[in-house]
Amino acid sequence: MSKHRYIQKNCCLVRVLWAGGIIGPYIFKNDEGHNVTVNGDRYRATITNFLIPELNNHDVHKLWFQQDGAKCHTARATIDLLKGTFGDRLISRFGPVNWPPRSCDLTPLDYFLWGYVKSLVYADKPQTLDHMEDNIHHVIAHIRPQMLEKVIENWTSRLDYI
C-alpha cells in the first residue's frame, strides 16, 4: 500500500482518497431516505460511524486528514473529534495544520476527481437523483488505484510550489 493518502469532505458527500483506492461515497440521507444538508451532528456521526470503521477495515493508519472550511467541518466539537482521531495529522481551518482557503489547485479531489467523476456521471444524462447516485457509485467503484497513485504523485509535486 502506498504511503500517499488523502481525505477530503464536503457538505454533500464523504469520500476518502488514498493511492490504494477510494472509500465512499457516503451520501447523507435522513431516515426516510431523502437527501439532507450536512450539519455538525450529521458530519460527526458519519466520521464516527462510517469513516473511522472504514479506515480500520482497510487497515489504513497514520494518514493525514484534510477538509475544507465548511462550518460543519470546523465546529469545535468536530475539530476535537478529528484531533482525537488524527492528532497532528489534521489539515483544516482551526486544525493543527492550517490549509489555504480556496486552494483547489492543491486538492486532488478538486483538481482531478470531481471533474473526472462528473464527466462520466452525466454522460448518460441521468433524469433522477437515484440514477445520478447510482452513476456516482459506479464511476467511483471503477477508479483504479494506479490512477490514484498518479494523482497523488502529481499532488505531491504541486506542494513543492507553496
N, C-alpha and C. Protein backbone atom coordinates (compact mmCIF):
# COMPACT_ATOMS: atom_id res chain seq x y z
N MET A 1 0.84 -1.17 0.00
CA MET A 1 0.00 0.00 0.00
C MET A 1 0.89 1.24 0.00
N SER A 2 0.51 2.23 -0.74
CA SER A 2 1.29 3.45 -0.85
C SER A 2 1.26 4.25 0.44
N LYS A 3 2.31 5.03 0.63
CA LYS A 3 2.32 5.92 1.79
C LYS A 3 1.50 7.18 1.53
N HIS A 4 1.15 7.44 0.28
CA HIS A 4 0.40 8.65 -0.06
C HIS A 4 -1.07 8.43 0.21
N ARG A 5 -1.63 9.24 1.10
CA ARG A 5 -3.04 9.13 1.44
C ARG A 5 -3.63 10.52 1.56
N TYR A 6 -4.91 10.63 1.28
CA TYR A 6 -5.54 11.94 1.25
C TYR A 6 -7.03 11.77 1.54
N ILE A 7 -7.59 12.66 2.33
CA ILE A 7 -9.02 12.63 2.61
C ILE A 7 -9.57 14.04 2.48
N GLN A 8 -10.75 14.15 1.94
CA GLN A 8 -11.43 15.44 1.92
C GLN A 8 -12.92 15.20 2.08
N LYS A 9 -13.63 16.20 2.58
CA LYS A 9 -15.06 16.10 2.78
C LYS A 9 -15.73 17.36 2.23
N ASN A 10 -17.01 17.25 1.91
CA ASN A 10 -17.82 18.44 1.69
C ASN A 10 -19.19 18.19 2.27
N CYS A 11 -20.09 19.13 2.08
CA CYS A 11 -21.38 19.02 2.76
C CYS A 11 -22.41 18.20 2.00
N CYS A 12 -22.01 17.44 1.03
CA CYS A 12 -22.93 16.55 0.33
C CYS A 12 -22.49 15.10 0.46
N LEU A 13 -21.21 14.86 0.35
CA LEU A 13 -20.65 13.52 0.32
C LEU A 13 -19.46 13.42 1.25
N VAL A 14 -19.19 12.21 1.67
CA VAL A 14 -17.91 11.92 2.31
C VAL A 14 -17.19 10.98 1.37
N ARG A 15 -15.96 11.27 1.08
CA ARG A 15 -15.17 10.37 0.27
C ARG A 15 -13.75 10.40 0.78
N VAL A 16 -13.11 9.27 0.77
CA VAL A 16 -11.75 9.12 1.25
C VAL A 16 -10.92 8.63 0.09
N LEU A 17 -9.84 9.34 -0.19
CA LEU A 17 -8.97 9.01 -1.31
C LEU A 17 -7.58 8.75 -0.78
N TRP A 18 -7.03 7.62 -1.14
CA TRP A 18 -5.60 7.38 -0.94
C TRP A 18 -5.17 6.55 -2.13
N ALA A 19 -3.90 6.39 -2.33
CA ALA A 19 -3.43 5.73 -3.54
C ALA A 19 -3.89 4.28 -3.62
N GLY A 20 -4.41 3.73 -2.55
CA GLY A 20 -4.92 2.36 -2.57
C GLY A 20 -6.37 2.27 -3.00
N GLY A 21 -7.06 3.39 -3.14
CA GLY A 21 -8.45 3.36 -3.56
C GLY A 21 -9.25 4.49 -2.97
N ILE A 22 -10.55 4.39 -3.09
CA ILE A 22 -11.48 5.40 -2.57
C ILE A 22 -12.45 4.69 -1.65
N ILE A 23 -12.68 5.26 -0.49
CA ILE A 23 -13.71 4.78 0.42
C ILE A 23 -14.89 5.73 0.27
N GLY A 24 -16.03 5.21 -0.04
CA GLY A 24 -17.20 6.05 -0.23
C GLY A 24 -17.63 5.98 -1.69
N PRO A 25 -18.52 6.85 -2.09
CA PRO A 25 -19.02 8.00 -1.35
C PRO A 25 -20.08 7.60 -0.32
N TYR A 26 -20.24 8.46 0.63
CA TYR A 26 -21.31 8.35 1.61
C TYR A 26 -22.24 9.52 1.34
N ILE A 27 -23.47 9.24 0.97
CA ILE A 27 -24.44 10.29 0.65
C ILE A 27 -25.35 10.46 1.85
N PHE A 28 -25.45 11.67 2.33
CA PHE A 28 -26.22 11.95 3.54
C PHE A 28 -27.72 11.90 3.26
N LYS A 29 -28.42 11.03 4.00
CA LYS A 29 -29.86 10.87 3.86
C LYS A 29 -30.49 10.79 5.24
N ASN A 30 -31.78 11.17 5.31
CA ASN A 30 -32.50 11.03 6.58
C ASN A 30 -33.09 9.63 6.68
N ASP A 31 -33.86 9.38 7.73
CA ASP A 31 -34.43 8.05 7.97
C ASP A 31 -35.40 7.62 6.86
N GLU A 32 -35.97 8.58 6.15
CA GLU A 32 -36.89 8.26 5.06
C GLU A 32 -36.16 8.07 3.74
N GLY A 33 -34.84 8.23 3.73
CA GLY A 33 -34.06 8.04 2.52
C GLY A 33 -33.93 9.27 1.64
N HIS A 34 -34.32 10.44 2.16
CA HIS A 34 -34.20 11.69 1.40
C HIS A 34 -32.85 12.35 1.69
N ASN A 35 -32.27 12.95 0.66
CA ASN A 35 -31.01 13.67 0.85
C ASN A 35 -31.21 14.81 1.83
N VAL A 36 -30.20 15.04 2.65
CA VAL A 36 -30.26 16.12 3.64
C VAL A 36 -28.98 16.92 3.60
N THR A 37 -29.09 18.15 4.07
CA THR A 37 -27.92 19.01 4.22
C THR A 37 -27.14 18.54 5.43
N VAL A 38 -25.85 18.61 5.33
CA VAL A 38 -25.00 18.15 6.42
C VAL A 38 -24.86 19.25 7.46
N ASN A 39 -25.09 18.89 8.71
CA ASN A 39 -24.80 19.79 9.82
C ASN A 39 -23.71 19.15 10.67
N GLY A 40 -23.30 19.82 11.71
CA GLY A 40 -22.22 19.31 12.54
C GLY A 40 -22.51 17.95 13.14
N ASP A 41 -23.73 17.75 13.64
CA ASP A 41 -24.08 16.46 14.25
C ASP A 41 -24.02 15.33 13.23
N ARG A 42 -24.57 15.56 12.03
CA ARG A 42 -24.55 14.52 10.99
C ARG A 42 -23.11 14.23 10.55
N TYR A 43 -22.34 15.28 10.41
CA TYR A 43 -20.95 15.12 9.97
C TYR A 43 -20.15 14.30 10.98
N ARG A 44 -20.27 14.66 12.25
CA ARG A 44 -19.54 13.92 13.29
C ARG A 44 -20.02 12.47 13.39
N ALA A 45 -21.33 12.25 13.24
CA ALA A 45 -21.84 10.88 13.26
C ALA A 45 -21.27 10.07 12.11
N THR A 46 -21.12 10.69 10.95
CA THR A 46 -20.56 9.99 9.81
C THR A 46 -19.08 9.67 10.02
N ILE A 47 -18.35 10.59 10.61
CA ILE A 47 -16.95 10.32 10.93
C ILE A 47 -16.86 9.13 11.88
N THR A 48 -17.68 9.17 12.92
CA THR A 48 -17.64 8.13 13.96
C THR A 48 -18.16 6.79 13.46
N ASN A 49 -19.28 6.80 12.74
CA ASN A 49 -19.97 5.55 12.39
C ASN A 49 -19.62 5.00 11.01
N PHE A 50 -19.04 5.83 10.14
CA PHE A 50 -18.72 5.38 8.78
C PHE A 50 -17.22 5.46 8.51
N LEU A 51 -16.67 6.66 8.62
CA LEU A 51 -15.28 6.86 8.21
C LEU A 51 -14.29 6.05 9.04
N ILE A 52 -14.33 6.20 10.34
CA ILE A 52 -13.35 5.51 11.19
C ILE A 52 -13.44 3.99 11.04
N PRO A 53 -14.65 3.39 11.07
CA PRO A 53 -14.71 1.94 10.84
C PRO A 53 -14.18 1.53 9.46
N GLU A 54 -14.47 2.33 8.43
CA GLU A 54 -13.96 2.01 7.09
C GLU A 54 -12.44 2.07 7.04
N LEU A 55 -11.86 3.08 7.67
CA LEU A 55 -10.40 3.15 7.71
C LEU A 55 -9.82 1.94 8.43
N ASN A 56 -10.45 1.54 9.51
CA ASN A 56 -10.00 0.35 10.24
C ASN A 56 -10.14 -0.92 9.39
N ASN A 57 -11.24 -1.03 8.65
CA ASN A 57 -11.45 -2.20 7.78
C ASN A 57 -10.40 -2.29 6.67
N HIS A 58 -9.90 -1.14 6.23
CA HIS A 58 -8.90 -1.12 5.16
C HIS A 58 -7.47 -1.07 5.72
N ASP A 59 -7.34 -1.17 7.03
CA ASP A 59 -6.03 -1.16 7.67
C ASP A 59 -5.21 0.06 7.24
N VAL A 60 -5.88 1.21 7.21
CA VAL A 60 -5.22 2.47 6.85
C VAL A 60 -4.95 3.23 8.14
N HIS A 61 -3.68 3.39 8.45
CA HIS A 61 -3.28 4.06 9.68
C HIS A 61 -2.32 5.20 9.35
N LYS A 62 -2.20 6.11 10.24
CA LYS A 62 -1.23 7.20 10.14
C LYS A 62 -1.43 8.06 8.90
N LEU A 63 -2.65 8.18 8.43
CA LEU A 63 -2.87 9.05 7.28
C LEU A 63 -3.17 10.46 7.73
N TRP A 64 -3.03 11.37 6.81
CA TRP A 64 -3.37 12.77 7.04
C TRP A 64 -4.81 12.98 6.60
N PHE A 65 -5.53 13.79 7.35
CA PHE A 65 -6.92 14.09 7.07
C PHE A 65 -7.01 15.56 6.68
N GLN A 66 -7.60 15.84 5.52
CA GLN A 66 -7.76 17.21 5.05
C GLN A 66 -9.23 17.47 4.76
N GLN A 67 -9.70 18.65 5.14
CA GLN A 67 -11.08 19.03 4.84
C GLN A 67 -11.13 20.52 4.54
N ASP A 68 -12.23 20.94 3.92
CA ASP A 68 -12.39 22.36 3.63
C ASP A 68 -12.92 23.09 4.86
N GLY A 69 -13.24 24.35 4.71
CA GLY A 69 -13.61 25.18 5.84
C GLY A 69 -15.10 25.31 6.09
N ALA A 70 -15.91 24.39 5.59
CA ALA A 70 -17.35 24.44 5.85
C ALA A 70 -17.61 24.46 7.35
N LYS A 71 -18.65 25.17 7.76
CA LYS A 71 -18.92 25.33 9.20
C LYS A 71 -19.10 24.00 9.91
N CYS A 72 -19.77 23.04 9.28
CA CYS A 72 -19.95 21.74 9.94
C CYS A 72 -18.62 21.02 10.12
N HIS A 73 -17.64 21.34 9.28
CA HIS A 73 -16.32 20.72 9.38
C HIS A 73 -15.46 21.37 10.46
N THR A 74 -15.68 22.65 10.70
CA THR A 74 -14.79 23.39 11.59
C THR A 74 -15.41 23.73 12.94
N ALA A 75 -16.59 23.19 13.21
CA ALA A 75 -17.19 23.38 14.54
C ALA A 75 -16.23 22.81 15.59
N ARG A 76 -16.21 23.41 16.74
CA ARG A 76 -15.27 23.00 17.80
C ARG A 76 -15.38 21.50 18.09
N ALA A 77 -16.62 20.98 18.21
CA ALA A 77 -16.80 19.56 18.51
C ALA A 77 -16.23 18.68 17.38
N THR A 78 -16.35 19.15 16.14
CA THR A 78 -15.81 18.38 15.01
C THR A 78 -14.29 18.38 15.04
N ILE A 79 -13.70 19.55 15.24
CA ILE A 79 -12.24 19.64 15.30
C ILE A 79 -11.71 18.78 16.44
N ASP A 80 -12.37 18.82 17.58
CA ASP A 80 -11.94 17.99 18.72
C ASP A 80 -12.00 16.50 18.36
N LEU A 81 -13.07 16.06 17.71
CA LEU A 81 -13.19 14.67 17.29
C LEU A 81 -12.07 14.30 16.33
N LEU A 82 -11.82 15.15 15.35
CA LEU A 82 -10.78 14.86 14.36
C LEU A 82 -9.38 14.87 14.97
N LYS A 83 -9.12 15.81 15.87
CA LYS A 83 -7.82 15.82 16.55
C LYS A 83 -7.65 14.55 17.38
N GLY A 84 -8.72 14.10 18.02
CA GLY A 84 -8.65 12.87 18.80
C GLY A 84 -8.39 11.65 17.93
N THR A 85 -8.81 11.71 16.68
CA THR A 85 -8.64 10.59 15.76
C THR A 85 -7.32 10.67 14.99
N PHE A 86 -6.99 11.86 14.49
CA PHE A 86 -5.84 12.02 13.61
C PHE A 86 -4.67 12.76 14.24
N GLY A 87 -4.86 13.30 15.44
CA GLY A 87 -3.78 14.02 16.11
C GLY A 87 -3.32 15.23 15.31
N ASP A 88 -2.01 15.37 15.15
CA ASP A 88 -1.44 16.49 14.41
C ASP A 88 -1.54 16.30 12.90
N ARG A 89 -2.10 15.20 12.44
CA ARG A 89 -2.22 14.91 11.02
C ARG A 89 -3.57 15.41 10.47
N LEU A 90 -4.04 16.53 10.99
CA LEU A 90 -5.29 17.15 10.57
C LEU A 90 -4.98 18.45 9.85
N ILE A 91 -5.40 18.55 8.59
CA ILE A 91 -5.24 19.75 7.80
C ILE A 91 -6.62 20.37 7.65
N SER A 92 -6.84 21.49 8.34
CA SER A 92 -8.17 22.08 8.38
C SER A 92 -8.10 23.48 8.98
N ARG A 93 -9.05 24.30 8.63
CA ARG A 93 -9.21 25.55 9.35
C ARG A 93 -9.44 25.20 10.82
N PHE A 94 -8.73 25.86 11.70
CA PHE A 94 -8.76 25.62 13.15
C PHE A 94 -8.10 24.30 13.55
N GLY A 95 -7.44 23.64 12.62
CA GLY A 95 -6.73 22.40 12.94
C GLY A 95 -5.26 22.67 13.19
N PRO A 96 -4.50 21.64 13.53
CA PRO A 96 -3.07 21.80 13.78
C PRO A 96 -2.30 22.31 12.56
N VAL A 97 -2.75 21.94 11.36
CA VAL A 97 -2.13 22.42 10.13
C VAL A 97 -3.21 23.17 9.36
N ASN A 98 -3.00 24.48 9.22
CA ASN A 98 -3.97 25.30 8.51
C ASN A 98 -3.80 25.10 7.01
N TRP A 99 -4.88 25.13 6.26
CA TRP A 99 -4.85 24.94 4.82
C TRP A 99 -5.32 26.21 4.15
N PRO A 100 -4.63 26.66 3.09
CA PRO A 100 -5.05 27.90 2.43
C PRO A 100 -6.48 27.80 1.90
N PRO A 101 -7.33 28.78 2.20
CA PRO A 101 -8.69 28.73 1.67
C PRO A 101 -8.70 28.86 0.15
N ARG A 102 -9.72 28.29 -0.45
CA ARG A 102 -9.90 28.35 -1.91
C ARG A 102 -8.64 27.92 -2.66
N SER A 103 -8.06 26.83 -2.24
CA SER A 103 -6.82 26.34 -2.86
C SER A 103 -7.10 25.06 -3.65
N CYS A 104 -8.06 25.16 -4.58
CA CYS A 104 -8.49 23.96 -5.30
C CYS A 104 -7.39 23.36 -6.16
N ASP A 105 -6.39 24.15 -6.53
CA ASP A 105 -5.28 23.60 -7.30
C ASP A 105 -4.39 22.71 -6.46
N LEU A 106 -4.59 22.71 -5.14
CA LEU A 106 -3.79 21.88 -4.24
C LEU A 106 -4.59 20.73 -3.63
N THR A 107 -5.78 20.50 -4.13
CA THR A 107 -6.65 19.50 -3.55
C THR A 107 -7.02 18.48 -4.63
N PRO A 108 -6.49 17.25 -4.56
CA PRO A 108 -6.75 16.26 -5.62
C PRO A 108 -8.23 16.03 -5.91
N LEU A 109 -9.07 16.11 -4.91
CA LEU A 109 -10.49 15.90 -5.17
C LEU A 109 -11.05 17.03 -6.01
N ASP A 110 -10.50 18.24 -5.88
CA ASP A 110 -10.98 19.37 -6.67
C ASP A 110 -10.33 19.42 -8.05
N TYR A 111 -9.00 19.31 -8.12
CA TYR A 111 -8.36 19.49 -9.42
C TYR A 111 -8.44 18.26 -10.31
N PHE A 112 -8.80 17.11 -9.76
CA PHE A 112 -8.92 15.92 -10.60
C PHE A 112 -10.26 15.20 -10.44
N LEU A 113 -10.51 14.69 -9.26
CA LEU A 113 -11.55 13.67 -9.09
C LEU A 113 -12.94 14.13 -9.50
N TRP A 114 -13.37 15.31 -9.00
CA TRP A 114 -14.76 15.69 -9.27
C TRP A 114 -15.00 15.99 -10.74
N GLY A 115 -14.06 16.59 -11.44
CA GLY A 115 -14.23 16.79 -12.88
C GLY A 115 -14.31 15.48 -13.64
N TYR A 116 -13.44 14.56 -13.27
CA TYR A 116 -13.42 13.24 -13.90
C TYR A 116 -14.73 12.50 -13.63
N VAL A 117 -15.14 12.44 -12.36
CA VAL A 117 -16.36 11.73 -12.00
C VAL A 117 -17.58 12.40 -12.65
N LYS A 118 -17.64 13.72 -12.59
CA LYS A 118 -18.79 14.43 -13.14
C LYS A 118 -18.95 14.16 -14.64
N SER A 119 -17.85 14.15 -15.37
CA SER A 119 -17.95 13.91 -16.82
C SER A 119 -18.55 12.53 -17.11
N LEU A 120 -18.24 11.55 -16.29
CA LEU A 120 -18.77 10.20 -16.50
C LEU A 120 -20.18 10.03 -15.92
N VAL A 121 -20.44 10.67 -14.78
CA VAL A 121 -21.77 10.56 -14.15
C VAL A 121 -22.84 11.15 -15.05
N TYR A 122 -22.55 12.27 -15.70
CA TYR A 122 -23.55 12.95 -16.52
C TYR A 122 -23.53 12.51 -17.98
N ALA A 123 -22.68 11.56 -18.34
CA ALA A 123 -22.57 11.14 -19.74
C ALA A 123 -23.90 10.61 -20.28
N ASP A 124 -24.66 9.90 -19.46
CA ASP A 124 -25.95 9.36 -19.93
C ASP A 124 -27.13 10.23 -19.49
N LYS A 125 -26.85 11.45 -19.07
CA LYS A 125 -27.88 12.43 -18.70
C LYS A 125 -28.91 11.86 -17.72
N PRO A 126 -28.49 11.55 -16.50
CA PRO A 126 -29.44 10.98 -15.52
C PRO A 126 -30.61 11.93 -15.27
N GLN A 127 -31.80 11.37 -15.18
CA GLN A 127 -33.01 12.18 -15.02
C GLN A 127 -33.53 12.21 -13.59
N THR A 128 -32.98 11.36 -12.72
CA THR A 128 -33.42 11.33 -11.32
C THR A 128 -32.21 11.33 -10.40
N LEU A 129 -32.43 11.71 -9.14
CA LEU A 129 -31.35 11.66 -8.16
C LEU A 129 -30.86 10.23 -7.94
N ASP A 130 -31.78 9.27 -7.94
CA ASP A 130 -31.38 7.88 -7.76
C ASP A 130 -30.45 7.42 -8.89
N HIS A 131 -30.80 7.79 -10.12
CA HIS A 131 -29.96 7.43 -11.27
C HIS A 131 -28.58 8.09 -11.13
N MET A 132 -28.57 9.36 -10.76
CA MET A 132 -27.30 10.07 -10.59
C MET A 132 -26.47 9.42 -9.49
N GLU A 133 -27.09 9.09 -8.36
CA GLU A 133 -26.36 8.45 -7.27
C GLU A 133 -25.82 7.08 -7.69
N ASP A 134 -26.61 6.32 -8.45
CA ASP A 134 -26.12 5.04 -8.97
C ASP A 134 -24.89 5.26 -9.85
N ASN A 135 -24.95 6.28 -10.71
CA ASN A 135 -23.81 6.58 -11.57
C ASN A 135 -22.58 6.97 -10.74
N ILE A 136 -22.77 7.77 -9.70
CA ILE A 136 -21.65 8.17 -8.84
C ILE A 136 -20.99 6.93 -8.24
N HIS A 137 -21.80 6.06 -7.66
CA HIS A 137 -21.25 4.83 -7.06
C HIS A 137 -20.51 3.99 -8.09
N HIS A 138 -21.10 3.85 -9.28
CA HIS A 138 -20.49 3.03 -10.33
C HIS A 138 -19.15 3.62 -10.78
N VAL A 139 -19.13 4.91 -11.05
CA VAL A 139 -17.90 5.55 -11.53
C VAL A 139 -16.79 5.44 -10.48
N ILE A 140 -17.10 5.75 -9.25
CA ILE A 140 -16.08 5.70 -8.20
C ILE A 140 -15.59 4.28 -7.98
N ALA A 141 -16.48 3.31 -8.06
CA ALA A 141 -16.08 1.91 -7.87
C ALA A 141 -15.10 1.44 -8.94
N HIS A 142 -15.11 2.09 -10.10
CA HIS A 142 -14.25 1.66 -11.19
C HIS A 142 -12.98 2.49 -11.35
N ILE A 143 -12.70 3.37 -10.41
CA ILE A 143 -11.44 4.12 -10.44
C ILE A 143 -10.37 3.22 -9.82
N ARG A 144 -9.33 2.96 -10.57
CA ARG A 144 -8.28 2.03 -10.15
C ARG A 144 -7.21 2.72 -9.31
N PRO A 145 -6.62 1.98 -8.39
CA PRO A 145 -5.54 2.53 -7.55
C PRO A 145 -4.38 3.11 -8.36
N GLN A 146 -4.09 2.55 -9.53
CA GLN A 146 -2.99 3.07 -10.34
C GLN A 146 -3.26 4.51 -10.77
N MET A 147 -4.50 4.82 -11.10
CA MET A 147 -4.85 6.19 -11.46
C MET A 147 -4.67 7.11 -10.26
N LEU A 148 -5.11 6.66 -9.10
CA LEU A 148 -4.99 7.48 -7.89
C LEU A 148 -3.53 7.69 -7.50
N GLU A 149 -2.69 6.69 -7.72
CA GLU A 149 -1.27 6.85 -7.43
C GLU A 149 -0.68 7.99 -8.27
N LYS A 150 -1.05 8.07 -9.54
CA LYS A 150 -0.57 9.16 -10.40
C LYS A 150 -1.09 10.51 -9.92
N VAL A 151 -2.35 10.55 -9.50
CA VAL A 151 -2.93 11.79 -8.97
C VAL A 151 -2.17 12.24 -7.72
N ILE A 152 -1.90 11.32 -6.82
CA ILE A 152 -1.19 11.66 -5.58
C ILE A 152 0.23 12.10 -5.89
N GLU A 153 0.89 11.46 -6.84
CA GLU A 153 2.24 11.89 -7.24
C GLU A 153 2.20 13.32 -7.77
N ASN A 154 1.20 13.63 -8.59
CA ASN A 154 1.04 14.99 -9.10
C ASN A 154 0.79 15.96 -7.97
N TRP A 155 -0.03 15.56 -7.01
CA TRP A 155 -0.34 16.42 -5.86
C TRP A 155 0.92 16.74 -5.07
N THR A 156 1.75 15.72 -4.80
CA THR A 156 2.96 15.98 -4.01
C THR A 156 3.90 16.91 -4.75
N SER A 157 3.94 16.84 -6.08
CA SER A 157 4.79 17.78 -6.82
C SER A 157 4.20 19.20 -6.77
N ARG A 158 2.89 19.34 -6.72
CA ARG A 158 2.27 20.67 -6.59
C ARG A 158 2.63 21.31 -5.25
N LEU A 159 2.78 20.49 -4.22
CA LEU A 159 3.10 21.03 -2.90
C LEU A 159 4.47 21.68 -2.85
N ASP A 160 5.34 21.33 -3.80
CA ASP A 160 6.67 21.96 -3.86
C ASP A 160 6.58 23.45 -4.17
N TYR A 161 5.44 23.90 -4.70
CA TYR A 161 5.29 25.28 -5.14
C TYR A 161 4.62 26.18 -4.10
N ILE A 162 4.29 25.63 -2.93
CA ILE A 162 3.69 26.50 -1.92
C ILE A 162 4.67 26.78 -0.80
